[in-house]
Amino acid sequence: MEPTKPKLPSEAIELYNDFIHGEISRRAFMEGVQRLAGGLAAATVINTLMPNYALGQQVSRTDDRIKATYETVPSAKGNGSIKGYLVRPVSADTRSETVTKLPGVIVVHENRGLNPHIEDIARAGQFIPLAPTTVLGTHFSQAYKSNDRGDVVGQFIGDDGFTHGFLLSKKGVVTTLDFPGASDTNAYGINESGTVVGQWDLLDAVGNVLIVHGFMWNNGSFTQVDFPGAGDTYLFGINARGDLVGGWAPGITSPFEHGFVCSKGQCSSFDVPVAGAPLTQADDINASGQIAGAYVDVDGVVHAFSMAGTNFTSFDFPGATSTLAWGSNSAGQIVGIYRNADAIPHGFLAQPSNKAKPQ
C-alpha cells in the first residue's frame, strides 16, 4: 500500500502560494509553516508542499543537445518586462550554436511561476516541425522512417484528396513520390543508400481499394514489388543490404495477412507462432536481420513482436490495449506505438534486453 500524504492546513497552502509568487521571503514562509504545523512536524509539511524537481527532471540543464538561456522581454507598450526561458537545439550536424531561424513553441504555464519543472518542459520539448514551409507543413503529413543519414520518408494528403509519398532529404529538399498510375502512394521505409519502399493502390469511383502493390524507389525510378502469388502486397521496411519485409494477402477482402521477408532475391512467408492469429505484419528489418512487427490475436488484440531467425518474442507495453512495433535499428532497439483504453496513441522505445521494459 502506498503511503498517504498528511492533510495540510489550508493556511500552509496559502503561505506556499505567497512564497512561490514572490510575495513573502523563504524565511517568512518557513517561519509561518512552523507556527501552523501543529501536530505535524514542520519538515513534513514543507516536504509535502515543495515539489521534488530533480526527481522529475527529463532533460539536464547541461545537456549538450540544447542551448538554454534566460531572456528579459520588454512590454510592447512600456508596461515593464517579463522573464522568460529560451531553449534552442544545438545543430546535430555541426554542434554549432550559430543562430538559425527555427519555428517556435511558446510554453504557457500555470500560476506557479517559471519554476524548474516548467524549465524542464521547455528543455524536453525538442520536437521541431519537418519542413514547415513546404507541403509537409501546410497539409496533413506523417513521417514514418528515417535512415542514418537523416533522410525521412512518409506521406501527405494533397489538394486532390489523395495520399502522396514524400522523401525529405537531410538538406531539407522535399521530393513527392507518386507511383505511375496510382491512386495513393505511401512511403514507409528508407535505407542508407536512399532506396525508399512503400505501397501504392488503385481505388474505384467511390473510393474503395481495388488492389495494393509494394514498390521500391531510387533516384527517380520506381520498381513494383509483389510477393509471389499474392493478391495484395504491403511493403514496410528495407535494411542497408536491401532485405525487404512486409505483409501479403490473397486478396483485398481476405481476413488473413501473412508476413514476408525477401533477401538476395528469395522471398519467404511466415506467420507468428501464436494459435489462431489471423494477421502477421513485418514492419522493419535491421542490419542484423532482426524483424520488428505486429500481429493480431484470435480476439482481435494487436501485439508487437521481434524475430531474429527462429527466435520469436511477443511483447506489449505495460497496461496497453494494443502495441505495434514499427522500427528497429542496428543496436536492436525497437520503436512503435501503443494505445490504452482511451485509444490515444503513444510512442515507446523497447531496449534489447530481457530485463528492460518499453519506455
Protein backbone atom coordinates (compact mmCIF):
# COMPACT_ATOMS: atom_id res chain seq x y z
CA MET A 1 0.00 0.00 0.00
CA GLU A 2 1.34 3.42 -0.95
CA PRO A 3 1.95 5.89 1.89
CA THR A 4 -0.66 8.62 2.23
CA LYS A 5 0.26 12.26 2.38
CA PRO A 6 -0.61 14.18 5.55
CA LYS A 7 -3.57 16.55 5.39
CA LEU A 8 -2.17 20.06 5.17
CA PRO A 9 -3.56 23.14 6.91
CA SER A 10 -5.15 25.45 4.33
CA GLU A 11 -3.13 28.33 5.76
CA ALA A 12 0.08 26.44 4.90
CA ILE A 13 -1.02 26.11 1.27
CA GLU A 14 -1.79 29.84 1.16
CA LEU A 15 1.67 30.57 2.57
CA TYR A 16 3.21 28.42 -0.14
CA ASN A 17 1.27 30.30 -2.86
CA ASP A 18 2.51 33.62 -1.43
CA PHE A 19 6.07 32.30 -1.36
CA ILE A 20 6.21 30.96 -4.93
CA HIS A 21 4.72 34.19 -6.26
CA GLY A 22 7.39 36.24 -4.50
CA GLU A 23 5.04 37.94 -2.07
CA ILE A 24 6.92 36.65 1.00
CA SER A 25 10.50 35.56 1.56
CA ARG A 26 11.63 31.98 2.02
CA ARG A 27 12.36 32.76 5.67
CA ALA A 28 8.84 34.12 6.21
CA PHE A 29 7.42 31.01 4.53
CA MET A 30 9.44 28.64 6.75
CA GLU A 31 8.56 30.53 9.94
CA GLY A 32 4.87 30.60 9.01
CA VAL A 33 4.80 26.84 8.39
CA GLN A 34 6.44 26.20 11.76
CA ARG A 35 3.71 28.21 13.51
CA LEU A 36 0.95 26.34 11.64
CA ALA A 37 2.38 22.83 11.80
CA GLY A 38 0.58 21.93 14.98
CA GLY A 39 0.78 18.16 15.50
CA LEU A 40 2.65 17.69 12.22
CA ALA A 41 6.38 18.21 12.03
CA ALA A 42 7.17 21.41 10.16
CA ALA A 43 9.64 19.48 7.99
CA THR A 44 6.87 17.07 6.93
CA VAL A 45 4.60 19.92 5.86
CA ILE A 46 7.37 21.64 3.93
CA ASN A 47 8.43 18.42 2.16
CA THR A 48 4.82 17.79 1.15
CA LEU A 49 4.35 21.30 -0.19
CA MET A 50 7.68 21.58 -2.01
CA PRO A 51 7.90 19.52 -5.23
CA ASN A 52 10.96 17.36 -5.93
CA TYR A 53 12.03 18.95 -9.19
CA ALA A 54 15.21 16.89 -9.50
CA LEU A 55 13.29 13.62 -9.31
CA GLY A 56 11.00 14.58 -12.19
CA GLN A 57 13.68 16.09 -14.44
CA GLN A 58 13.69 14.77 -18.02
CA VAL A 59 16.48 16.80 -19.63
CA SER A 60 19.50 18.17 -17.77
CA ARG A 61 20.32 21.87 -17.85
CA THR A 62 23.76 20.90 -19.18
CA ASP A 63 22.51 18.61 -21.98
CA ASP A 64 24.78 19.31 -24.98
CA ARG A 65 21.89 19.00 -27.45
CA ILE A 66 20.39 22.29 -26.35
CA LYS A 67 21.31 25.88 -25.51
CA ALA A 68 19.17 27.35 -22.71
CA THR A 69 19.23 30.99 -21.61
CA TYR A 70 17.12 33.36 -19.51
CA GLU A 71 15.77 36.28 -21.53
CA THR A 72 14.02 39.50 -20.50
CA VAL A 73 11.21 40.57 -22.83
CA PRO A 74 10.04 44.22 -22.59
CA SER A 75 6.37 45.09 -22.90
CA ALA A 76 5.44 46.47 -26.32
CA LYS A 77 3.54 49.30 -24.59
CA GLY A 78 6.18 50.07 -21.98
CA ASN A 79 4.46 48.28 -19.10
CA GLY A 80 7.57 46.70 -17.63
CA SER A 81 9.05 43.36 -18.70
CA ILE A 82 8.82 39.62 -18.11
CA LYS A 83 11.48 37.00 -17.63
CA GLY A 84 11.47 34.01 -19.98
CA TYR A 85 13.41 30.82 -20.54
CA LEU A 86 14.60 30.28 -24.12
CA VAL A 87 15.68 26.82 -25.30
CA ARG A 88 17.16 26.24 -28.75
CA PRO A 89 18.50 22.99 -30.22
CA VAL A 90 22.20 22.87 -31.00
CA SER A 91 22.71 21.70 -34.58
CA ALA A 92 23.06 17.92 -34.72
CA ASP A 93 25.34 18.24 -37.73
CA THR A 94 27.89 20.83 -36.65
CA ARG A 95 27.34 21.16 -32.90
CA SER A 96 27.34 24.84 -33.73
CA GLU A 97 25.42 27.48 -31.83
CA THR A 98 25.13 29.70 -34.89
CA VAL A 99 21.79 31.50 -34.85
CA THR A 100 19.35 29.84 -37.23
CA LYS A 101 15.73 30.71 -37.90
CA LEU A 102 13.55 27.96 -36.43
CA PRO A 103 9.84 27.52 -35.74
CA GLY A 104 8.96 28.30 -32.14
CA VAL A 105 6.74 26.85 -29.45
CA ILE A 106 5.55 29.05 -26.55
CA VAL A 107 5.05 27.19 -23.27
CA VAL A 108 2.27 28.88 -21.28
CA HIS A 109 2.40 27.67 -17.70
CA GLU A 110 0.05 27.93 -14.75
CA ASN A 111 0.42 30.48 -11.97
CA ARG A 112 3.22 28.62 -10.18
CA GLY A 113 5.76 30.78 -11.98
CA LEU A 114 8.84 29.93 -14.04
CA ASN A 115 9.93 27.07 -11.80
CA PRO A 116 12.37 24.20 -12.53
CA HIS A 117 9.52 21.97 -13.74
CA ILE A 118 8.43 24.46 -16.41
CA GLU A 119 12.05 24.94 -17.45
CA ASP A 120 12.40 21.16 -17.82
CA ILE A 121 9.28 21.03 -20.01
CA ALA A 122 10.87 23.65 -22.27
CA ARG A 123 14.12 21.67 -22.46
CA ALA A 124 12.27 18.42 -23.20
CA GLY A 125 10.13 19.96 -25.93
CA GLN A 126 12.61 19.32 -28.73
CA PHE A 127 10.02 18.45 -31.36
CA ILE A 128 10.69 20.54 -34.46
CA PRO A 129 8.24 20.58 -37.42
CA LEU A 130 9.62 18.97 -40.57
CA ALA A 131 9.95 21.43 -43.48
CA PRO A 132 7.20 23.73 -42.11
CA THR A 133 7.13 26.00 -45.17
CA THR A 134 6.63 23.12 -47.63
CA VAL A 135 3.62 20.91 -48.34
CA LEU A 136 4.56 18.90 -45.24
CA GLY A 137 3.74 21.89 -43.09
CA THR A 138 0.70 23.16 -44.97
CA HIS A 139 -1.05 19.80 -45.43
CA PHE A 140 -1.74 16.78 -43.23
CA SER A 141 1.51 14.77 -43.22
CA GLN A 142 3.06 11.84 -41.39
CA ALA A 143 6.73 10.83 -41.12
CA TYR A 144 7.33 7.08 -40.84
CA LYS A 145 11.01 6.19 -41.03
CA SER A 146 14.46 7.77 -41.36
CA ASN A 147 17.90 6.45 -42.23
CA ASP A 148 21.27 7.09 -40.61
CA ARG A 149 21.89 10.00 -42.99
CA GLY A 150 18.87 11.86 -41.67
CA ASP A 151 16.61 11.40 -44.71
CA VAL A 152 12.93 10.99 -43.78
CA VAL A 153 10.05 9.33 -45.63
CA GLY A 154 6.32 9.47 -45.08
CA GLN A 155 3.10 10.63 -46.68
CA PHE A 156 0.88 13.69 -47.02
CA ILE A 157 -2.61 14.37 -48.31
CA GLY A 158 -2.60 16.63 -51.33
CA ASP A 159 -5.12 19.18 -52.56
CA ASP A 160 -6.53 16.40 -54.74
CA GLY A 161 -7.56 14.43 -51.64
CA PHE A 162 -5.18 11.55 -52.41
CA THR A 163 -2.21 10.37 -50.39
CA HIS A 164 1.28 11.03 -51.76
CA GLY A 165 4.59 9.71 -50.52
CA PHE A 166 7.47 12.03 -49.75
CA LEU A 167 11.21 11.97 -49.24
CA LEU A 168 12.64 14.78 -47.12
CA SER A 169 16.40 14.89 -47.59
CA LYS A 170 18.86 15.82 -44.89
CA LYS A 171 19.30 19.14 -46.71
CA GLY A 172 15.59 19.93 -46.43
CA VAL A 173 14.59 19.12 -50.02
CA VAL A 174 11.15 17.53 -50.36
CA THR A 175 10.55 15.05 -53.20
CA THR A 176 6.99 13.92 -53.88
CA LEU A 177 6.72 10.19 -54.63
CA ASP A 178 3.79 9.06 -56.80
CA PHE A 179 3.86 5.61 -58.37
CA PRO A 180 2.80 5.98 -62.04
CA GLY A 181 -0.95 5.45 -62.39
CA ALA A 182 -1.55 5.03 -58.64
CA SER A 183 -4.43 6.50 -56.68
CA ASP A 184 -2.46 6.66 -53.40
CA THR A 185 1.25 6.25 -52.71
CA ASN A 186 2.63 5.62 -49.19
CA ALA A 187 6.37 5.73 -48.42
CA TYR A 188 7.13 3.60 -45.35
CA GLY A 189 10.86 2.87 -45.25
CA ILE A 190 14.29 4.02 -46.42
CA ASN A 191 17.79 2.59 -46.11
CA GLU A 192 21.26 4.14 -46.05
CA SER A 193 21.64 4.08 -49.84
CA GLY A 194 18.46 6.15 -50.22
CA THR A 195 16.21 3.37 -51.51
CA VAL A 196 12.61 4.05 -50.48
CA VAL A 197 9.98 1.33 -50.06
CA GLY A 198 6.23 1.54 -49.64
CA GLN A 199 2.96 0.66 -51.28
CA TRP A 200 0.54 2.05 -53.84
CA ASP A 201 -3.11 1.33 -54.53
CA LEU A 202 -5.91 1.73 -57.05
CA LEU A 203 -9.33 2.99 -55.98
CA ASP A 204 -12.68 2.67 -57.70
CA ALA A 205 -15.00 5.61 -58.41
CA VAL A 206 -16.36 5.68 -54.86
CA GLY A 207 -13.02 5.26 -53.10
CA ASN A 208 -12.94 1.50 -52.46
CA VAL A 209 -9.48 -0.08 -52.63
CA LEU A 210 -9.20 -2.47 -55.57
CA ILE A 211 -5.63 -3.69 -55.19
CA VAL A 212 -2.40 -2.86 -53.32
CA HIS A 213 1.19 -3.36 -54.55
CA GLY A 214 4.57 -2.72 -52.99
CA PHE A 215 7.24 -0.54 -54.59
CA MET A 216 10.89 0.43 -54.42
CA TRP A 217 12.15 3.87 -55.47
CA ASN A 218 15.69 5.09 -56.02
CA ASN A 219 16.96 8.16 -57.86
CA GLY A 220 13.62 8.81 -59.54
CA SER A 221 12.96 5.25 -60.68
CA PHE A 222 10.10 3.04 -59.41
CA THR A 223 10.04 -0.77 -59.30
CA GLN A 224 6.88 -2.68 -58.40
CA VAL A 225 7.30 -5.35 -55.73
CA ASP A 226 4.82 -8.20 -55.20
CA PHE A 227 5.13 -11.28 -53.02
CA PRO A 228 4.91 -14.32 -55.34
CA GLY A 229 1.28 -15.38 -55.76
CA ALA A 230 -0.12 -12.60 -53.55
CA GLY A 231 -3.28 -10.70 -54.33
CA ASP A 232 -2.05 -7.68 -52.35
CA THR A 233 1.43 -6.77 -51.12
CA TYR A 234 2.29 -4.31 -48.36
CA LEU A 235 5.97 -3.29 -48.22
CA PHE A 236 7.11 -1.62 -45.00
CA GLY A 237 10.87 -1.94 -44.41
CA ILE A 238 14.29 -2.23 -46.03
CA ASN A 239 17.72 -2.56 -44.41
CA ALA A 240 21.19 -1.50 -45.53
CA ARG A 241 21.83 -4.69 -47.54
CA GLY A 242 18.48 -4.45 -49.33
CA ASP A 243 16.45 -7.05 -47.43
CA LEU A 244 12.72 -6.31 -47.60
CA VAL A 245 9.88 -7.01 -45.15
CA GLY A 246 6.15 -6.53 -45.25
CA GLY A 247 2.85 -8.35 -45.45
CA TRP A 248 0.80 -10.07 -48.13
CA ALA A 249 -2.80 -11.21 -48.52
CA PRO A 250 -4.65 -13.45 -51.00
CA GLY A 251 -6.89 -10.50 -51.87
CA ILE A 252 -8.15 -7.17 -50.62
CA THR A 253 -11.19 -8.76 -48.94
CA SER A 254 -9.23 -11.57 -47.28
CA PRO A 255 -9.38 -11.64 -43.44
CA PHE A 256 -5.85 -13.06 -43.36
CA GLU A 257 -2.44 -11.41 -43.80
CA HIS A 258 0.97 -13.05 -43.66
CA GLY A 259 4.39 -11.57 -43.06
CA PHE A 260 7.23 -11.95 -45.52
CA VAL A 261 10.95 -11.30 -45.85
CA CYS A 262 12.94 -11.07 -49.10
CA SER A 263 16.72 -11.47 -49.10
CA LYS A 264 19.03 -11.81 -52.09
CA GLY A 265 16.07 -12.21 -54.41
CA GLN A 266 14.45 -15.01 -52.39
CA CYS A 267 11.17 -14.33 -50.59
CA SER A 268 9.62 -16.41 -47.82
CA SER A 269 6.32 -16.11 -45.97
CA PHE A 270 5.85 -16.54 -42.24
CA ASP A 271 3.20 -16.34 -39.56
CA VAL A 272 3.73 -15.69 -35.86
CA PRO A 273 3.69 -18.88 -33.76
CA VAL A 274 0.51 -17.87 -31.96
CA ALA A 275 -2.52 -20.13 -32.31
CA GLY A 276 -5.38 -18.58 -34.27
CA ALA A 277 -3.61 -15.30 -35.13
CA PRO A 278 -5.15 -14.16 -38.46
CA LEU A 279 -2.71 -11.35 -39.23
CA THR A 280 1.09 -11.06 -39.21
CA GLN A 281 2.79 -7.88 -40.39
CA ALA A 282 6.55 -7.35 -40.64
CA ASP A 283 7.24 -3.63 -40.30
CA ASP A 284 11.03 -3.28 -40.28
CA ILE A 285 14.29 -5.20 -40.52
CA ASN A 286 17.64 -4.02 -39.19
CA ALA A 287 21.18 -4.66 -40.42
CA SER A 288 21.39 -7.90 -38.42
CA GLY A 289 18.20 -9.28 -39.93
CA GLN A 290 16.09 -8.74 -36.80
CA ILE A 291 12.45 -8.18 -37.77
CA ALA A 292 10.04 -5.97 -35.82
CA GLY A 293 6.33 -6.04 -36.44
CA ALA A 294 2.84 -6.68 -35.16
CA TYR A 295 0.20 -9.39 -35.18
CA VAL A 296 -3.47 -9.67 -34.30
CA ASP A 297 -4.53 -12.47 -31.98
CA VAL A 298 -7.72 -14.53 -32.17
CA ASP A 299 -9.50 -11.93 -30.01
CA GLY A 300 -8.57 -9.05 -32.29
CA VAL A 301 -5.90 -7.56 -29.99
CA VAL A 302 -2.74 -6.10 -31.59
CA HIS A 303 0.61 -7.21 -30.13
CA ALA A 304 4.20 -6.31 -31.05
CA PHE A 305 6.84 -8.87 -31.87
CA SER A 306 10.55 -9.19 -32.52
CA MET A 307 12.03 -12.06 -34.52
CA ALA A 308 15.65 -12.98 -35.17
CA GLY A 309 15.96 -16.22 -37.11
CA THR A 310 13.73 -18.71 -35.32
CA ASN A 311 13.74 -16.73 -32.07
CA PHE A 312 10.33 -15.12 -31.69
CA THR A 313 9.36 -12.70 -28.89
CA SER A 314 5.91 -11.22 -28.38
CA PHE A 315 5.64 -8.13 -26.18
CA ASP A 316 3.17 -5.48 -25.08
CA PHE A 317 3.65 -2.09 -23.48
CA PRO A 318 2.62 -2.48 -19.81
CA GLY A 319 -1.10 -1.83 -19.40
CA ALA A 320 -1.69 -1.15 -23.10
CA THR A 321 -4.69 -2.42 -25.04
CA SER A 322 -2.66 -2.60 -28.27
CA THR A 323 1.06 -2.44 -29.12
CA LEU A 324 2.65 -2.15 -32.56
CA ALA A 325 6.39 -2.31 -33.26
CA TRP A 326 7.28 -0.11 -36.22
CA GLY A 327 11.07 0.30 -36.42
CA SER A 328 14.28 -1.45 -35.38
CA ASN A 329 17.84 -0.09 -35.57
CA SER A 330 21.22 -1.81 -35.76
CA ALA A 331 21.50 -1.76 -31.95
CA GLY A 332 18.33 -3.83 -31.65
CA GLN A 333 16.25 -1.00 -30.17
CA ILE A 334 12.61 -1.09 -31.25
CA VAL A 335 10.20 1.82 -31.51
CA GLY A 336 6.48 1.84 -32.09
CA ILE A 337 3.12 2.95 -30.76
CA TYR A 338 0.75 1.71 -28.10
CA ARG A 339 -2.77 2.61 -27.03
CA ASN A 340 -4.52 2.48 -23.70
CA ALA A 341 -8.24 2.15 -23.10
CA ASP A 342 -8.74 5.78 -24.24
CA ALA A 343 -7.40 4.79 -27.72
CA ILE A 344 -4.93 7.71 -27.73
CA PRO A 345 -1.63 6.66 -29.42
CA HIS A 346 1.66 6.96 -27.53
CA GLY A 347 5.21 6.21 -28.61
CA PHE A 348 7.56 3.72 -26.97
CA LEU A 349 11.19 2.63 -27.08
CA ALA A 350 11.99 -1.00 -26.23
CA GLN A 351 15.59 -1.83 -25.31
CA PRO A 352 17.23 -5.10 -26.47
CA SER A 353 17.38 -6.69 -23.04
CA ASN A 354 15.25 -9.32 -21.34
CA LYS A 355 15.28 -7.15 -18.25
CA ALA A 356 14.44 -3.86 -19.97
CA LYS A 357 10.87 -2.63 -20.24
CA PRO A 358 9.41 -0.44 -23.02
CA GLN A 359 9.77 3.24 -22.14
